[in-house]
Amino acid sequence: MGFANFDRNADGVITEQEFQQARAERIAERSQQGYRMRNLAAAPPFTDLDLDADGELSPQEFADAQARHRQRMMRPPR
């Protein structure tokens, strides 16, 4: 999901409410498609993504979080 999918009101930032709503919808959608919902408990909370702690995710914070997630997913299992 891209930034626009999370930025529900298209104001250029993602609030925690928008983030939680989009994440919940994505989880429900993937579950209905039959995907196993592994590692949900390990998903980072909004506050871990909001690096400047201003209560909003900028496009850069969002992109950085996605990059960190991709790096974690590419690590070989221990």
PDB file of N, CA and C in Angstrom:
ATOM      1  N   MET A   1       0.852  -1.182   0.000  1.00  0.00           N
ATOM      2  CA  MET A   1       0.000   0.000   0.000  1.00  0.00           C
ATOM      3  C   MET A   1       0.890   1.235   0.000  1.00  0.00           C
ATOM      4  N   GLY A   2       0.507   2.173  -0.789  1.00  0.00           N
ATOM      5  CA  GLY A   2       1.274   3.396  -0.868  1.00  0.00           C
ATOM      6  C   GLY A   2       0.757   4.470   0.074  1.00  0.00           C
ATOM      7  N   PHE A   3       1.483   5.556   0.100  1.00  0.00           N
ATOM      8  CA  PHE A   3       1.161   6.676   0.974  1.00  0.00           C
ATOM      9  C   PHE A   3      -0.290   7.135   0.787  1.00  0.00           C
ATOM     10  N   ALA A   4      -0.735   7.262  -0.457  1.00  0.00           N
ATOM     11  CA  ALA A   4      -2.090   7.757  -0.745  1.00  0.00           C
ATOM     12  C   ALA A   4      -3.171   6.856  -0.152  1.00  0.00           C
ATOM     13  N   ASN A   5      -2.895   5.563  -0.037  1.00  0.00           N
ATOM     14  CA  ASN A   5      -3.876   4.654   0.553  1.00  0.00           C
ATOM     15  C   ASN A   5      -4.070   4.917   2.047  1.00  0.00           C
ATOM     16  N   PHE A   6      -3.044   5.424   2.687  1.00  0.00           N
ATOM     17  CA  PHE A   6      -3.112   5.722   4.112  1.00  0.00           C
ATOM     18  C   PHE A   6      -3.592   7.150   4.369  1.00  0.00           C
ATOM     19  N   ASP A   7      -3.260   8.067   3.481  1.00  0.00           N
ATOM     20  CA  ASP A   7      -3.634   9.480   3.636  1.00  0.00           C
ATOM     21  C   ASP A   7      -5.076   9.661   3.160  1.00  0.00           C
ATOM     22  N   ARG A   8      -6.010   9.272   4.008  1.00  0.00           N
ATOM     23  CA  ARG A   8      -7.427   9.196   3.649  1.00  0.00           C
ATOM     24  C   ARG A   8      -8.029  10.524   3.203  1.00  0.00           C
ATOM     25  N   ASN A   9      -7.588  11.631   3.804  1.00  0.00           N
ATOM     26  CA  ASN A   9      -8.180  12.919   3.433  1.00  0.00           C
ATOM     27  C   ASN A   9      -7.287  13.697   2.470  1.00  0.00           C
ATOM     28  N   ALA A  10      -6.236  13.059   1.980  1.00  0.00           N
ATOM     29  CA  ALA A  10      -5.342  13.624   0.966  1.00  0.00           C
ATOM     30  C   ALA A  10      -4.777  14.985   1.361  1.00  0.00           C
ATOM     31  N   ASP A  11      -4.423  15.128   2.645  1.00  0.00           N
ATOM     32  CA  ASP A  11      -3.862  16.406   3.082  1.00  0.00           C
ATOM     33  C   ASP A  11      -2.336  16.403   3.138  1.00  0.00           C
ATOM     34  N   GLY A  12      -1.722  15.317   2.678  1.00  0.00           N
ATOM     35  CA  GLY A  12      -0.280  15.259   2.592  1.00  0.00           C
ATOM     36  C   GLY A  12       0.419  14.675   3.805  1.00  0.00           C
ATOM     37  N   VAL A  13      -0.344  14.279   4.820  1.00  0.00           N
ATOM     38  CA  VAL A  13       0.213  13.621   6.006  1.00  0.00           C
ATOM     39  C   VAL A  13      -0.732  12.504   6.434  1.00  0.00           C
ATOM     40  N   ILE A  14      -0.197  11.567   7.198  1.00  0.00           N
ATOM     41  CA  ILE A  14      -1.004  10.461   7.708  1.00  0.00           C
ATOM     42  C   ILE A  14      -1.088  10.601   9.215  1.00  0.00           C
ATOM     43  N   THR A  15      -2.301  10.703   9.720  1.00  0.00           N
ATOM     44  CA  THR A  15      -2.506  10.748  11.165  1.00  0.00           C
ATOM     45  C   THR A  15      -2.543   9.319  11.699  1.00  0.00           C
ATOM     46  N   GLU A  16      -2.458   9.199  12.999  1.00  0.00           N
ATOM     47  CA  GLU A  16      -2.525   7.861  13.591  1.00  0.00           C
ATOM     48  C   GLU A  16      -3.868   7.207  13.284  1.00  0.00           C
ATOM     49  N   GLN A  17      -4.947   7.967  13.312  1.00  0.00           N
ATOM     50  CA  GLN A  17      -6.270   7.422  13.008  1.00  0.00           C
ATOM     51  C   GLN A  17      -6.319   6.906  11.568  1.00  0.00           C
ATOM     52  N   GLU A  18      -5.805   7.676  10.630  1.00  0.00           N
ATOM     53  CA  GLU A  18      -5.783   7.238   9.233  1.00  0.00           C
ATOM     54  C   GLU A  18      -4.941   5.974   9.090  1.00  0.00           C
ATOM     55  N   PHE A  19      -3.806   5.958   9.768  1.00  0.00           N
ATOM     56  CA  PHE A  19      -2.897   4.818   9.713  1.00  0.00           C
ATOM     57  C   PHE A  19      -3.580   3.559  10.232  1.00  0.00           C
ATOM     58  N   GLN A  20      -4.206   3.664  11.399  1.00  0.00           N
ATOM     59  CA  GLN A  20      -4.870   2.501  11.997  1.00  0.00           C
ATOM     60  C   GLN A  20      -6.017   2.009  11.124  1.00  0.00           C
ATOM     61  N   GLN A  21      -6.792   2.933  10.575  1.00  0.00           N
ATOM     62  CA  GLN A  21      -7.920   2.556   9.722  1.00  0.00           C
ATOM     63  C   GLN A  21      -7.435   1.835   8.464  1.00  0.00           C
ATOM     64  N   ALA A  22      -6.441   2.385   7.802  1.00  0.00           N
ATOM     65  CA  ALA A  22      -5.934   1.772   6.573  1.00  0.00           C
ATOM     66  C   ALA A  22      -5.304   0.420   6.865  1.00  0.00           C
ATOM     67  N   ARG A  23      -4.564   0.332   7.972  1.00  0.00           N
ATOM     68  CA  ARG A  23      -3.926  -0.943   8.333  1.00  0.00           C
ATOM     69  C   ARG A  23      -4.992  -2.008   8.614  1.00  0.00           C
ATOM     70  N   ALA A  24      -6.028  -1.650   9.357  1.00  0.00           N
ATOM     71  CA  ALA A  24      -7.094  -2.608   9.676  1.00  0.00           C
ATOM     72  C   ALA A  24      -7.804  -3.081   8.412  1.00  0.00           C
ATOM     73  N   GLU A  25      -8.068  -2.164   7.494  1.00  0.00           N
ATOM     74  CA  GLU A  25      -8.725  -2.536   6.242  1.00  0.00           C
ATOM     75  C   GLU A  25      -7.836  -3.465   5.418  1.00  0.00           C
ATOM     76  N   ARG A  26      -6.549  -3.192   5.403  1.00  0.00           N
ATOM     77  CA  ARG A  26      -5.613  -4.020   4.650  1.00  0.00           C
ATOM     78  C   ARG A  26      -5.536  -5.429   5.244  1.00  0.00           C
ATOM     79  N   ILE A  27      -5.500  -5.513   6.557  1.00  0.00           N
ATOM     80  CA  ILE A  27      -5.464  -6.817   7.224  1.00  0.00           C
ATOM     81  C   ILE A  27      -6.730  -7.607   6.901  1.00  0.00           C
ATOM     82  N   ALA A  28      -7.877  -6.954   6.984  1.00  0.00           N
ATOM     83  CA  ALA A  28      -9.146  -7.624   6.680  1.00  0.00           C
ATOM     84  C   ALA A  28      -9.186  -8.091   5.226  1.00  0.00           C
ATOM     85  N   GLU A  29      -8.729  -7.247   4.331  1.00  0.00           N
ATOM     86  CA  GLU A  29      -8.717  -7.587   2.905  1.00  0.00           C
ATOM     87  C   GLU A  29      -7.814  -8.790   2.637  1.00  0.00           C
ATOM     88  N   ARG A  30      -6.614  -8.762   3.190  1.00  0.00           N
ATOM     89  CA  ARG A  30      -5.673  -9.864   2.975  1.00  0.00           C
ATOM     90  C   ARG A  30      -6.187 -11.159   3.604  1.00  0.00           C
ATOM     91  N   SER A  31      -6.816 -11.051   4.746  1.00  0.00           N
ATOM     92  CA  SER A  31      -7.372 -12.218   5.414  1.00  0.00           C
ATOM     93  C   SER A  31      -8.479 -12.845   4.562  1.00  0.00           C
ATOM     94  N   GLN A  32      -9.333 -12.002   4.019  1.00  0.00           N
ATOM     95  CA  GLN A  32     -10.424 -12.501   3.167  1.00  0.00           C
ATOM     96  C   GLN A  32      -9.888 -13.151   1.895  1.00  0.00           C
ATOM     97  N   GLN A  33      -8.714 -12.721   1.451  1.00  0.00           N
ATOM     98  CA  GLN A  33      -8.099 -13.297   0.257  1.00  0.00           C
ATOM     99  C   GLN A  33      -7.388 -14.609   0.567  1.00  0.00           C
ATOM    100  N   GLY A  34      -7.371 -14.984   1.843  1.00  0.00           N
ATOM    101  CA  GLY A  34      -6.791 -16.253   2.231  1.00  0.00           C
ATOM    102  C   GLY A  34      -5.332 -16.199   2.641  1.00  0.00           C
ATOM    103  N   TYR A  35      -4.780 -15.012   2.749  1.00  0.00           N
ATOM    104  CA  TYR A  35      -3.388 -14.895   3.185  1.00  0.00           C
ATOM    105  C   TYR A  35      -3.276 -15.174   4.676  1.00  0.00           C
ATOM    106  N   ARG A  36      -2.219 -15.890   5.038  1.00  0.00           N
ATOM    107  CA  ARG A  36      -1.961 -16.110   6.459  1.00  0.00           C
ATOM    108  C   ARG A  36      -1.465 -14.807   7.052  1.00  0.00           C
ATOM    109  N   MET A  37      -1.982 -14.455   8.186  1.00  0.00           N
ATOM    110  CA  MET A  37      -1.635 -13.187   8.816  1.00  0.00           C
ATOM    111  C   MET A  37      -0.556 -13.422   9.870  1.00  0.00           C
ATOM    112  N   ARG A  38       0.650 -13.673   9.385  1.00  0.00           N
ATOM    113  CA  ARG A  38       1.782 -13.930  10.272  1.00  0.00           C
ATOM    114  C   ARG A  38       2.394 -12.611  10.721  1.00  0.00           C
ATOM    115  N   ASN A  39       2.983 -12.631  11.877  1.00  0.00           N
ATOM    116  CA  ASN A  39       3.771 -11.515  12.402  1.00  0.00           C
ATOM    117  C   ASN A  39       2.986 -10.223  12.643  1.00  0.00           C
ATOM    118  N   LEU A  40       1.690 -10.305  12.792  1.00  0.00           N
ATOM    119  CA  LEU A  40       0.918  -9.088  13.076  1.00  0.00           C
ATOM    120  C   LEU A  40       1.354  -8.448  14.388  1.00  0.00           C
ATOM    121  N   ALA A  41       1.685  -9.266  15.346  1.00  0.00           N
ATOM    122  CA  ALA A  41       2.114  -8.735  16.643  1.00  0.00           C
ATOM    123  C   ALA A  41       3.433  -7.989  16.532  1.00  0.00           C
ATOM    124  N   ALA A  42       4.212  -8.287  15.500  1.00  0.00           N
ATOM    125  CA  ALA A  42       5.511  -7.637  15.316  1.00  0.00           C
ATOM    126  C   ALA A  42       5.414  -6.356  14.491  1.00  0.00           C
ATOM    127  N   ALA A  43       4.223  -6.046  13.982  1.00  0.00           N
ATOM    128  CA  ALA A  43       4.062  -4.833  13.178  1.00  0.00           C
ATOM    129  C   ALA A  43       4.350  -3.605  14.043  1.00  0.00           C
ATOM    130  N   PRO A  44       5.130  -2.682  13.517  1.00  0.00           N
ATOM    131  CA  PRO A  44       5.494  -1.519  14.330  1.00  0.00           C
ATOM    132  C   PRO A  44       4.298  -0.607  14.590  1.00  0.00           C
ATOM    133  N   PRO A  45       4.238  -0.045  15.779  1.00  0.00           N
ATOM    134  CA  PRO A  45       3.164   0.908  16.064  1.00  0.00           C
ATOM    135  C   PRO A  45       3.439   2.239  15.365  1.00  0.00           C
ATOM    136  N   PHE A  46       2.420   3.033  15.246  1.00  0.00           N
ATOM    137  CA  PHE A  46       2.512   4.345  14.602  1.00  0.00           C
ATOM    138  C   PHE A  46       3.649   5.171  15.188  1.00  0.00           C
ATOM    139  N   THR A  47       3.796   5.139  16.505  1.00  0.00           N
ATOM    140  CA  THR A  47       4.811   5.967  17.157  1.00  0.00           C
ATOM    141  C   THR A  47       6.224   5.593  16.727  1.00  0.00           C
ATOM    142  N   ASP A  48       6.454   4.345  16.332  1.00  0.00           N
ATOM    143  CA  ASP A  48       7.774   3.952  15.840  1.00  0.00           C
ATOM    144  C   ASP A  48       8.049   4.515  14.449  1.00  0.00           C
ATOM    145  N   LEU A  49       7.007   4.803  13.708  1.00  0.00           N
ATOM    146  CA  LEU A  49       7.156   5.339  12.354  1.00  0.00           C
ATOM    147  C   LEU A  49       7.240   6.858  12.355  1.00  0.00           C
ATOM    148  N   ASP A  50       6.606   7.477  13.322  1.00  0.00           N
ATOM    149  CA  ASP A  50       6.562   8.939  13.447  1.00  0.00           C
ATOM    150  C   ASP A  50       7.854   9.420  14.103  1.00  0.00           C
ATOM    151  N   LEU A  51       8.908   9.483  13.312  1.00  0.00           N
ATOM    152  CA  LEU A  51      10.243   9.722  13.853  1.00  0.00           C
ATOM    153  C   LEU A  51      10.408  11.083  14.519  1.00  0.00           C
ATOM    154  N   ASP A  52       9.684  12.094  14.057  1.00  0.00           N
ATOM    155  CA  ASP A  52       9.807  13.408  14.685  1.00  0.00           C
ATOM    156  C   ASP A  52       8.748  13.645  15.758  1.00  0.00           C
ATOM    157  N   ALA A  53       7.940  12.622  16.033  1.00  0.00           N
ATOM    158  CA  ALA A  53       6.930  12.643  17.104  1.00  0.00           C
ATOM    159  C   ALA A  53       5.989  13.831  17.023  1.00  0.00           C
ATOM    160  N   ASP A  54       5.596  14.191  15.781  1.00  0.00           N
ATOM    161  CA  ASP A  54       4.656  15.303  15.635  1.00  0.00           C
ATOM    162  C   ASP A  54       3.212  14.842  15.464  1.00  0.00           C
ATOM    163  N   GLY A  55       2.976  13.531  15.569  1.00  0.00           N
ATOM    164  CA  GLY A  55       1.622  13.003  15.452  1.00  0.00           C
ATOM    165  C   GLY A  55       1.165  12.759  14.027  1.00  0.00           C
ATOM    166  N   GLU A  56       2.086  12.930  13.078  1.00  0.00           N
ATOM    167  CA  GLU A  56       1.764  12.731  11.668  1.00  0.00           C
ATOM    168  C   GLU A  56       2.941  12.067  10.970  1.00  0.00           C
ATOM    169  N   LEU A  57       2.614  11.291   9.940  1.00  0.00           N
ATOM    170  CA  LEU A  57       3.660  10.719   9.098  1.00  0.00           C
ATOM    171  C   LEU A  57       3.752  11.536   7.824  1.00  0.00           C
ATOM    172  N   SER A  58       4.938  12.025   7.556  1.00  0.00           N
ATOM    173  CA  SER A  58       5.188  12.717   6.297  1.00  0.00           C
ATOM    174  C   SER A  58       5.425  11.667   5.220  1.00  0.00           C
ATOM    175  N   PRO A  59       5.387  12.061   3.951  1.00  0.00           N
ATOM    176  CA  PRO A  59       5.717  11.089   2.908  1.00  0.00           C
ATOM    177  C   PRO A  59       7.103  10.476   3.108  1.00  0.00           C
ATOM    178  N   GLN A  60       8.059  11.267   3.588  1.00  0.00           N
ATOM    179  CA  GLN A  60       9.415  10.745   3.808  1.00  0.00           C
ATOM    180  C   GLN A  60       9.450   9.748   4.955  1.00  0.00           C
ATOM    181  N   GLU A  61       8.775  10.043   6.058  1.00  0.00           N
ATOM    182  CA  GLU A  61       8.725   9.092   7.177  1.00  0.00           C
ATOM    183  C   GLU A  61       8.086   7.780   6.729  1.00  0.00           C
ATOM    184  N   PHE A  62       7.026   7.886   5.933  1.00  0.00           N
ATOM    185  CA  PHE A  62       6.341   6.700   5.441  1.00  0.00           C
ATOM    186  C   PHE A  62       7.267   5.884   4.540  1.00  0.00           C
ATOM    187  N   ALA A  63       7.953   6.551   3.616  1.00  0.00           N
ATOM    188  CA  ALA A  63       8.874   5.866   2.706  1.00  0.00           C
ATOM    189  C   ALA A  63      10.015   5.218   3.480  1.00  0.00           C
ATOM    190  N   ASP A  64      10.542   5.910   4.478  1.00  0.00           N
ATOM    191  CA  ASP A  64      11.618   5.345   5.296  1.00  0.00           C
ATOM    192  C   ASP A  64      11.142   4.101   6.039  1.00  0.00           C
ATOM    193  N   ALA A  65       9.925   4.142   6.556  1.00  0.00           N
ATOM    194  CA  ALA A  65       9.372   2.991   7.275  1.00  0.00           C
ATOM    195  C   ALA A  65       9.204   1.803   6.329  1.00  0.00           C
ATOM    196  N   GLN A  66       8.743   2.071   5.119  1.00  0.00           N
ATOM    197  CA  GLN A  66       8.590   0.988   4.149  1.00  0.00           C
ATOM    198  C   GLN A  66       9.946   0.383   3.785  1.00  0.00           C
ATOM    199  N   ALA A  67      10.956   1.220   3.638  1.00  0.00           N
ATOM    200  CA  ALA A  67      12.296   0.727   3.313  1.00  0.00           C
ATOM    201  C   ALA A  67      12.837  -0.145   4.450  1.00  0.00           C
ATOM    202  N   ARG A  68      12.647   0.292   5.689  1.00  0.00           N
ATOM    203  CA  ARG A  68      13.092  -0.511   6.830  1.00  0.00           C
ATOM    204  C   ARG A  68      12.359  -1.851   6.854  1.00  0.00           C
ATOM    205  N   HIS A  69      11.068  -1.831   6.551  1.00  0.00           N
ATOM    206  CA  HIS A  69      10.274  -3.069   6.529  1.00  0.00           C
ATOM    207  C   HIS A  69      10.802  -4.025   5.452  1.00  0.00           C
ATOM    208  N   ARG A  70      11.062  -3.502   4.270  1.00  0.00           N
ATOM    209  CA  ARG A  70      11.586  -4.353   3.190  1.00  0.00           C
ATOM    210  C   ARG A  70      12.924  -4.964   3.579  1.00  0.00           C
ATOM    211  N   GLN A  71      13.779  -4.190   4.236  1.00  0.00           N
ATOM    212  CA  GLN A  71      15.080  -4.707   4.669  1.00  0.00           C
ATOM    213  C   GLN A  71      14.902  -5.850   5.669  1.00  0.00           C
ATOM    214  N   ARG A  72      13.967  -5.680   6.620  1.00  0.00           N
ATOM    215  CA  ARG A  72      13.716  -6.741   7.596  1.00  0.00           C
ATOM    216  C   ARG A  72      13.193  -7.993   6.915  1.00  0.00           C
ATOM    217  N   MET A  73      12.338  -7.833   5.923  1.00  0.00           N
ATOM    218  CA  MET A  73      11.726  -8.976   5.258  1.00  0.00           C
ATOM    219  C   MET A  73      12.759  -9.737   4.402  1.00  0.00           C
ATOM    220  N   MET A  74      13.815  -9.078   3.969  1.00  0.00           N
ATOM    221  CA  MET A  74      14.796  -9.716   3.107  1.00  0.00           C
ATOM    222  C   MET A  74      15.897 -10.415   3.900  1.00  0.00           C
ATOM    223  N   ARG A  75      15.933 -10.196   5.194  1.00  0.00           N
ATOM    224  CA  ARG A  75      16.938 -10.866   6.028  1.00  0.00           C
ATOM    225  C   ARG A  75      16.665 -12.370   6.066  1.00  0.00           C
ATOM    226  N   PRO A  76      17.720 -13.166   5.980  1.00  0.00           N
ATOM    227  CA  PRO A  76      17.505 -14.613   6.078  1.00  0.00           C
ATOM    228  C   PRO A  76      17.051 -14.982   7.477  1.00  0.00           C
ATOM    229  N   PRO A  77      16.217 -16.002   7.602  1.00  0.00           N
ATOM    230  CA  PRO A  77      15.761 -16.436   8.930  1.00  0.00           C
ATOM    231  C   PRO A  77      16.935 -16.912   9.778  1.00  0.00           C
ATOM    232  N   ARG A  78      16.803 -16.725  11.055  1.00  0.00           N
ATOM    233  CA  ARG A  78      17.865 -17.146  11.990  1.00  0.00           C
ATOM    234  C   ARG A  78      17.660 -18.566  12.413  1.00  0.00           C
TER     235      ARG A  78
END
